[in-house]
């Protein structure tokens, strides 16, 4: 499995790299949001969600750009874990087609009321939405 840094997504992102201890997920802190990318062919599990949560500031809400490209599945336990985080603000899911859209819908199916999220296929639109410019 390719590490997330070389997955074709994370290497183009500026920002402070946050160590997660997991080679399958890369989290970068930018001024207005966190950028999350995964290695190719990853099934998102509760461990991935917990690794991402360790990057969160404990005392404030954070926005996220989550890159769905290359994911194969999202475990139901990951969805349950994600739905419990109260420090998540807006989440922009960035994908590249119908399969990514389905994964995003599964991921957010139980958290629609607690986290504001949108699906995008255009990175600039996703960033603008996260930064409050859309």
Foldseek 3Di string as FASTA:
>chain_A
DDFFCPQPPNVVDDAQWDDLVDRQWTWGDDPQAIEITGHAAAAAELSNLVSVVVPDDPPAAHEYEYEQPRYDYYDPNNLVNVLPDQRYEEYEYEYADDVSVVRVCSSCVVRVPRYHYDYDPDPVVSVCVSVVND
